[in-house]
Amino acid sequence: MKRLVRHTVPLLLVCLAASTADAQESFKVVLPSRTQNPYINAIATLYEQGRFPEALSKLEKALDSESNGPQEVLWLKLMQGALRVELSQGEALEPFKEALALDKEAQLPVQGAPRRLRKLFAQARNTLGLPADKELLALDLEKAALASKATMAVPPPRRHGLSLGVRGEVDVLGLGPLSSAPLDMLLSSSTPAVSLCYTQQELGGALSVLVQPSPGLRAEVQFHPVTMGWMRPYARLGATTFFAESDVRGGLSFFGGASGRGALGVDVQFNSRMYFFADIAYERFFTTGERYKLDSVLFSVGVGLFP
């Protein structure tokens, strides 16, 4: 057992060190050309190795070097800000502002710099009224575009409660063959309707008024136990009654035809306020006036709005 532990523990330590090395972000530091400051190479190496506290300690000594020229001071100020960002020190913005005061065109000397570092450097540029970093701006625009696409691809939360629907329905059996039903005949045989709907998780109901010379009133119960992304299939059962019906002799009766109906359809919710729906229904008249046949097959399409 002791031998197993003695061999296992070093192996775990090696694996942990390897995984840590793989997780460590790799950076490449660009050095100022022909520098005479002996600390600069060491600072760059320590930064690339992720040894940020040591690099910052050497950088503070490097700032006092008499061999510093304008390019060394600029580089050291930029690296001072980068190191403070890595060490989560709140005063990282000041070295960037000091560097940009020396050279408005200054760029970070770290290739492959993490986003948090580039964001803070962009904030320093913005504070001084300098143009935004084009590369960072392009990345932000790309990120916003991807977020917008992702939002569009996700269906909105399903609304429940009261809604107002407007539909048009046509009796398919009354059209005859499609070739003999031009658009004007289709429009003339369609009936508009206005509905007040109420839905919950799996059940709902609708009360509709059919707008025509003999107006109709329809009451339905709706079942919608399944929601599939943007779409929600539904089934409805109900009845329709017509009023103020006139016969061929000109007589007027308060009650006209009455029918029972069943419908199958689907609604698609575009956003939190609007949905589209279509269904097909079979109606069987129990009492009929002279205007009605016993059977009807009604195809309907419409839109609904939530308050």
Protein backbone atom coordinates (compact mmCIF):
# COMPACT_ATOMS: atom_id res chain seq x y z
CA MET A 1 0.00 0.00 0.00
CA LYS A 2 2.80 2.42 0.91
CA ARG A 3 4.57 1.59 -2.37
CA LEU A 4 1.33 2.34 -4.29
CA VAL A 5 0.95 5.72 -2.57
CA ARG A 6 4.64 6.52 -3.13
CA HIS A 7 4.27 5.98 -6.89
CA THR A 8 0.77 7.46 -7.26
CA VAL A 9 1.33 10.84 -5.58
CA PRO A 10 4.22 11.93 -7.88
CA LEU A 11 2.17 10.84 -10.89
CA LEU A 12 -0.79 12.96 -9.78
CA LEU A 13 1.49 15.96 -9.23
CA VAL A 14 2.95 15.58 -12.74
CA CYS A 15 -0.56 15.37 -14.27
CA LEU A 16 -1.69 18.42 -12.32
CA ALA A 17 1.34 20.41 -13.42
CA ALA A 18 0.78 19.39 -17.04
CA SER A 19 -2.90 20.39 -16.96
CA THR A 20 -2.00 23.72 -15.35
CA ALA A 21 0.58 24.38 -18.03
CA ASP A 22 -1.96 23.59 -20.76
CA ALA A 23 -4.53 25.90 -19.16
CA GLN A 24 -2.04 28.77 -18.86
CA GLU A 25 -2.63 31.40 -21.51
CA SER A 26 0.30 31.84 -23.91
CA PHE A 27 1.43 35.39 -24.65
CA LYS A 28 4.17 36.85 -26.81
CA VAL A 29 5.73 40.13 -25.68
CA VAL A 30 7.13 42.46 -28.34
CA LEU A 31 10.37 44.12 -27.15
CA PRO A 32 11.52 47.64 -27.96
CA SER A 33 14.25 47.63 -30.59
CA ARG A 34 17.92 47.94 -29.53
CA THR A 35 17.13 48.58 -25.88
CA GLN A 36 19.97 49.11 -23.40
CA ASN A 37 17.85 48.42 -20.32
CA PRO A 38 18.99 45.06 -18.87
CA TYR A 39 15.64 44.42 -17.13
CA ILE A 40 13.39 44.49 -20.20
CA ASN A 41 14.22 41.00 -21.51
CA ALA A 42 13.70 39.53 -18.03
CA ILE A 43 10.34 41.31 -17.64
CA ALA A 44 9.12 39.94 -20.99
CA THR A 45 10.24 36.39 -20.14
CA LEU A 46 8.58 36.46 -16.71
CA TYR A 47 5.35 37.80 -18.22
CA GLU A 48 5.26 35.06 -20.86
CA GLN A 49 5.81 32.48 -18.10
CA GLY A 50 2.93 33.88 -16.08
CA ARG A 51 5.19 35.00 -13.22
CA PHE A 52 3.49 38.38 -12.92
CA PRO A 53 4.54 39.46 -9.38
CA GLU A 54 8.22 38.90 -10.21
CA ALA A 55 7.84 40.74 -13.51
CA LEU A 56 6.23 43.72 -11.78
CA SER A 57 9.00 43.82 -9.17
CA LYS A 58 11.66 43.97 -11.89
CA LEU A 59 9.65 46.54 -13.84
CA GLU A 60 9.68 48.96 -10.90
CA LYS A 61 13.48 48.72 -10.88
CA ALA A 62 13.62 49.09 -14.64
CA LEU A 63 11.75 52.39 -14.51
CA ASP A 64 14.69 53.87 -12.51
CA SER A 65 17.31 52.75 -15.04
CA GLU A 66 19.44 55.56 -16.50
CA SER A 67 19.55 53.74 -19.85
CA ASN A 68 15.87 54.40 -20.52
CA GLY A 69 14.98 56.31 -23.64
CA PRO A 70 11.48 57.35 -24.84
CA GLN A 71 10.74 53.89 -26.31
CA GLU A 72 11.79 52.12 -23.09
CA VAL A 73 9.65 54.39 -20.91
CA LEU A 74 6.66 53.88 -23.23
CA TRP A 75 7.12 50.08 -23.21
CA LEU A 76 7.55 49.94 -19.43
CA LYS A 77 4.40 51.99 -18.83
CA LEU A 78 2.38 49.74 -21.12
CA MET A 79 3.75 46.62 -19.44
CA GLN A 80 3.11 48.11 -16.00
CA GLY A 81 -0.57 48.46 -16.89
CA ALA A 82 -0.68 44.93 -18.36
CA LEU A 83 0.88 43.42 -15.23
CA ARG A 84 -1.48 45.29 -12.93
CA VAL A 85 -4.43 43.95 -14.93
CA GLU A 86 -3.13 40.39 -14.52
CA LEU A 87 -2.67 40.96 -10.78
CA SER A 88 -6.17 42.49 -10.50
CA GLN A 89 -4.82 45.77 -9.21
CA GLY A 90 -7.30 48.62 -9.52
CA GLU A 91 -4.71 51.26 -10.53
CA ALA A 92 -3.97 49.60 -13.90
CA LEU A 93 -5.64 52.42 -15.86
CA GLU A 94 -3.11 55.11 -14.91
CA PRO A 95 -0.01 53.56 -16.56
CA PHE A 96 -1.98 53.15 -19.78
CA LYS A 97 -3.02 56.81 -19.72
CA GLU A 98 0.58 57.87 -19.05
CA ALA A 99 1.78 55.76 -22.00
CA LEU A 100 -0.88 57.17 -24.33
CA ALA A 101 0.07 60.70 -23.23
CA LEU A 102 3.58 59.91 -24.52
CA ASP A 103 2.34 58.38 -27.78
CA LYS A 104 -1.29 58.50 -28.89
CA GLU A 105 -0.65 55.69 -31.40
CA ALA A 106 0.80 53.34 -28.76
CA GLN A 107 -0.34 49.72 -28.90
CA LEU A 108 -0.16 46.96 -26.31
CA PRO A 109 3.19 45.13 -26.60
CA VAL A 110 1.45 41.81 -25.79
CA GLN A 111 0.44 39.64 -28.73
CA GLY A 112 -2.60 37.48 -27.97
CA ALA A 113 -3.55 39.74 -25.05
CA PRO A 114 -6.66 38.59 -23.13
CA ARG A 115 -9.90 40.46 -23.65
CA ARG A 116 -9.93 42.01 -20.16
CA LEU A 117 -6.55 43.64 -20.89
CA ARG A 118 -7.65 45.02 -24.26
CA LYS A 119 -10.89 46.32 -22.75
CA LEU A 120 -9.06 48.30 -20.07
CA PHE A 121 -6.58 49.67 -22.63
CA ALA A 122 -9.56 50.72 -24.79
CA GLN A 123 -11.07 52.42 -21.71
CA ALA A 124 -7.86 54.41 -21.27
CA ARG A 125 -8.00 55.51 -24.92
CA ASN A 126 -11.63 56.52 -24.51
CA THR A 127 -10.82 58.53 -21.36
CA LEU A 128 -8.28 60.56 -23.34
CA GLY A 129 -10.69 61.04 -26.24
CA LEU A 130 -8.72 58.81 -28.62
CA PRO A 131 -10.32 56.66 -31.35
CA ALA A 132 -11.47 53.21 -30.27
CA ASP A 133 -9.37 50.13 -30.93
CA LYS A 134 -10.61 48.93 -34.35
CA GLU A 135 -9.82 45.28 -33.64
CA LEU A 136 -11.67 45.33 -30.34
CA LEU A 137 -14.57 47.22 -31.91
CA ALA A 138 -14.81 44.60 -34.66
CA LEU A 139 -14.85 41.82 -32.07
CA ASP A 140 -17.61 43.59 -30.12
CA LEU A 141 -19.69 43.99 -33.29
CA GLU A 142 -19.18 40.33 -34.16
CA LYS A 143 -20.17 39.31 -30.64
CA ALA A 144 -23.30 41.48 -30.81
CA ALA A 145 -24.23 39.96 -34.18
CA LEU A 146 -23.82 36.43 -32.84
CA ALA A 147 -25.88 37.30 -29.76
CA SER A 148 -28.60 38.75 -31.99
CA LYS A 149 -28.68 35.59 -34.13
CA ALA A 150 -28.82 33.43 -31.02
CA THR A 151 -31.71 35.50 -29.67
CA MET A 152 -33.60 35.18 -32.95
CA ALA A 153 -33.06 31.43 -32.99
CA VAL A 154 -34.57 30.95 -29.55
CA PRO A 155 -38.40 30.96 -29.42
CA PRO A 156 -39.89 33.62 -27.15
CA PRO A 157 -41.45 32.57 -23.84
CA ARG A 158 -44.94 31.26 -24.46
CA ARG A 159 -47.59 33.81 -23.46
CA HIS A 160 -50.81 32.87 -21.71
CA GLY A 161 -53.88 34.78 -20.67
CA LEU A 162 -56.18 36.99 -22.75
CA SER A 163 -55.59 37.71 -26.43
CA LEU A 164 -57.56 39.18 -29.31
CA GLY A 165 -57.66 37.26 -32.60
CA VAL A 166 -58.77 38.22 -36.10
CA ARG A 167 -59.32 35.49 -38.67
CA GLY A 168 -60.78 34.73 -42.06
CA GLU A 169 -62.41 31.36 -42.75
CA VAL A 170 -63.75 29.74 -45.87
CA ASP A 171 -66.00 26.71 -46.38
CA VAL A 172 -63.88 24.33 -48.49
CA LEU A 173 -66.93 22.21 -49.44
CA GLY A 174 -68.66 25.26 -50.86
CA LEU A 175 -65.84 26.13 -53.25
CA GLY A 176 -66.15 23.18 -55.59
CA PRO A 177 -63.12 22.18 -57.71
CA LEU A 178 -60.11 24.46 -57.22
CA SER A 179 -59.92 25.24 -60.93
CA SER A 180 -63.41 26.78 -60.78
CA ALA A 181 -62.67 28.88 -57.70
CA PRO A 182 -60.84 32.06 -58.73
CA LEU A 183 -59.62 34.57 -56.18
CA ASP A 184 -62.76 36.71 -56.26
CA MET A 185 -64.92 33.65 -55.50
CA LEU A 186 -62.57 32.70 -52.66
CA LEU A 187 -62.79 36.19 -51.18
CA SER A 188 -66.56 36.39 -51.55
CA SER A 189 -67.07 33.06 -49.78
CA SER A 190 -64.77 33.87 -46.85
CA THR A 191 -66.12 35.02 -43.50
CA PRO A 192 -64.19 37.31 -41.13
CA ALA A 193 -64.32 36.65 -37.39
CA VAL A 194 -63.11 38.38 -34.24
CA SER A 195 -62.21 36.22 -31.23
CA LEU A 196 -61.52 36.81 -27.57
CA CYS A 197 -59.26 33.99 -26.36
CA TYR A 198 -57.97 32.87 -23.00
CA THR A 199 -55.29 30.20 -22.55
CA GLN A 200 -53.44 28.55 -19.70
CA GLN A 201 -50.73 25.84 -19.69
CA GLU A 202 -52.76 23.12 -21.44
CA LEU A 203 -56.33 24.44 -21.73
CA GLY A 204 -58.05 27.49 -23.10
CA GLY A 205 -61.18 28.83 -24.68
CA ALA A 206 -62.36 31.22 -27.37
CA LEU A 207 -65.50 33.25 -27.94
CA SER A 208 -65.83 34.41 -31.57
CA VAL A 209 -68.19 36.67 -33.48
CA LEU A 210 -68.63 35.87 -37.20
CA VAL A 211 -69.13 39.11 -39.09
CA GLN A 212 -71.70 38.53 -41.89
CA PRO A 213 -75.31 39.47 -42.76
CA SER A 214 -76.52 36.74 -40.37
CA PRO A 215 -73.95 37.13 -37.60
CA GLY A 216 -72.75 34.07 -35.75
CA LEU A 217 -71.58 33.46 -32.21
CA ARG A 218 -69.12 30.63 -31.57
CA ALA A 219 -67.88 29.19 -28.25
CA GLU A 220 -64.98 26.72 -28.13
CA VAL A 221 -62.81 24.88 -25.65
CA GLN A 222 -59.15 24.48 -26.65
CA PHE A 223 -56.65 21.75 -25.76
CA HIS A 224 -52.91 22.35 -26.30
CA PRO A 225 -50.94 19.90 -24.13
CA VAL A 226 -47.70 20.09 -26.20
CA THR A 227 -45.49 23.02 -27.22
CA MET A 228 -42.81 22.41 -29.87
CA GLY A 229 -40.49 25.42 -29.92
CA TRP A 230 -42.18 28.20 -31.83
CA MET A 231 -45.27 26.08 -32.62
CA ARG A 232 -48.12 24.84 -30.46
CA PRO A 233 -50.62 22.34 -31.95
CA TYR A 234 -54.15 22.58 -30.62
CA ALA A 235 -57.55 20.93 -30.84
CA ARG A 236 -60.87 22.70 -30.32
CA LEU A 237 -64.44 21.56 -29.62
CA GLY A 238 -67.37 23.94 -29.72
CA ALA A 239 -70.63 25.12 -31.22
CA THR A 240 -71.78 27.93 -33.52
CA THR A 241 -75.16 29.65 -33.58
CA PHE A 242 -76.37 32.16 -36.21
CA PHE A 243 -78.85 34.98 -35.58
CA ALA A 244 -81.15 37.29 -37.55
CA GLU A 245 -81.51 34.87 -40.45
CA SER A 246 -83.89 35.67 -43.27
CA ASP A 247 -85.61 33.02 -45.39
CA VAL A 248 -86.40 33.10 -49.11
CA ARG A 249 -89.79 34.71 -48.39
CA GLY A 250 -88.18 37.60 -46.56
CA GLY A 251 -89.15 36.45 -43.10
CA LEU A 252 -86.68 37.07 -40.29
CA SER A 253 -86.03 34.69 -37.40
CA PHE A 254 -83.95 35.50 -34.34
CA PHE A 255 -82.24 32.09 -34.24
CA GLY A 256 -80.83 30.52 -37.38
CA GLY A 257 -78.66 27.47 -37.88
CA ALA A 258 -76.76 25.84 -35.00
CA SER A 259 -73.83 23.46 -35.36
CA GLY A 260 -71.30 21.49 -33.38
CA ARG A 261 -67.67 21.63 -34.52
CA GLY A 262 -64.23 20.17 -34.00
CA ALA A 263 -60.99 21.77 -35.21
CA LEU A 264 -57.29 20.92 -35.45
CA GLY A 265 -54.69 23.65 -35.85
CA VAL A 266 -51.38 25.15 -34.88
CA ASP A 267 -50.29 28.57 -33.67
CA VAL A 268 -46.84 30.11 -34.03
CA GLN A 269 -45.77 32.79 -31.56
CA PHE A 270 -43.48 35.33 -33.26
CA ASN A 271 -42.74 37.46 -30.19
CA SER A 272 -44.22 38.34 -26.81
CA ARG A 273 -47.13 40.24 -28.42
CA MET A 274 -48.14 38.44 -31.64
CA TYR A 275 -48.92 34.95 -32.89
CA PHE A 276 -50.16 33.43 -36.15
CA PHE A 277 -52.58 30.52 -36.32
CA ALA A 278 -54.25 28.25 -38.88
CA ASP A 279 -56.74 25.42 -38.46
CA ILE A 280 -59.24 23.27 -40.27
CA ALA A 281 -62.63 22.42 -38.74
CA TYR A 282 -65.56 20.15 -39.44
CA GLU A 283 -69.04 21.47 -38.60
CA ARG A 284 -72.27 19.47 -38.45
CA PHE A 285 -75.49 21.47 -38.32
CA PHE A 286 -78.14 20.28 -35.87
CA THR A 287 -80.74 22.85 -36.91
CA THR A 288 -80.49 24.57 -40.24
CA GLY A 289 -82.08 27.40 -42.03
CA GLU A 290 -82.57 27.42 -45.76
CA ARG A 291 -79.08 28.85 -46.29
CA TYR A 292 -77.09 25.99 -44.74
CA LYS A 293 -76.00 22.54 -45.77
CA LEU A 294 -75.67 19.85 -43.12
CA ASP A 295 -71.86 19.64 -43.33
CA SER A 296 -69.10 22.21 -43.64
CA VAL A 297 -65.31 22.00 -43.69
CA LEU A 298 -63.85 25.36 -42.73
CA PHE A 299 -60.24 26.44 -43.26
CA SER A 300 -59.14 29.42 -41.17
CA VAL A 301 -56.04 31.61 -40.86
CA GLY A 302 -55.49 34.59 -38.59
CA VAL A 303 -53.35 36.54 -36.18
CA GLY A 304 -53.64 37.12 -32.44
CA LEU A 305 -52.40 39.93 -30.22
CA PHE A 306 -51.70 39.97 -26.50
CA PRO A 307 -52.47 43.18 -24.58
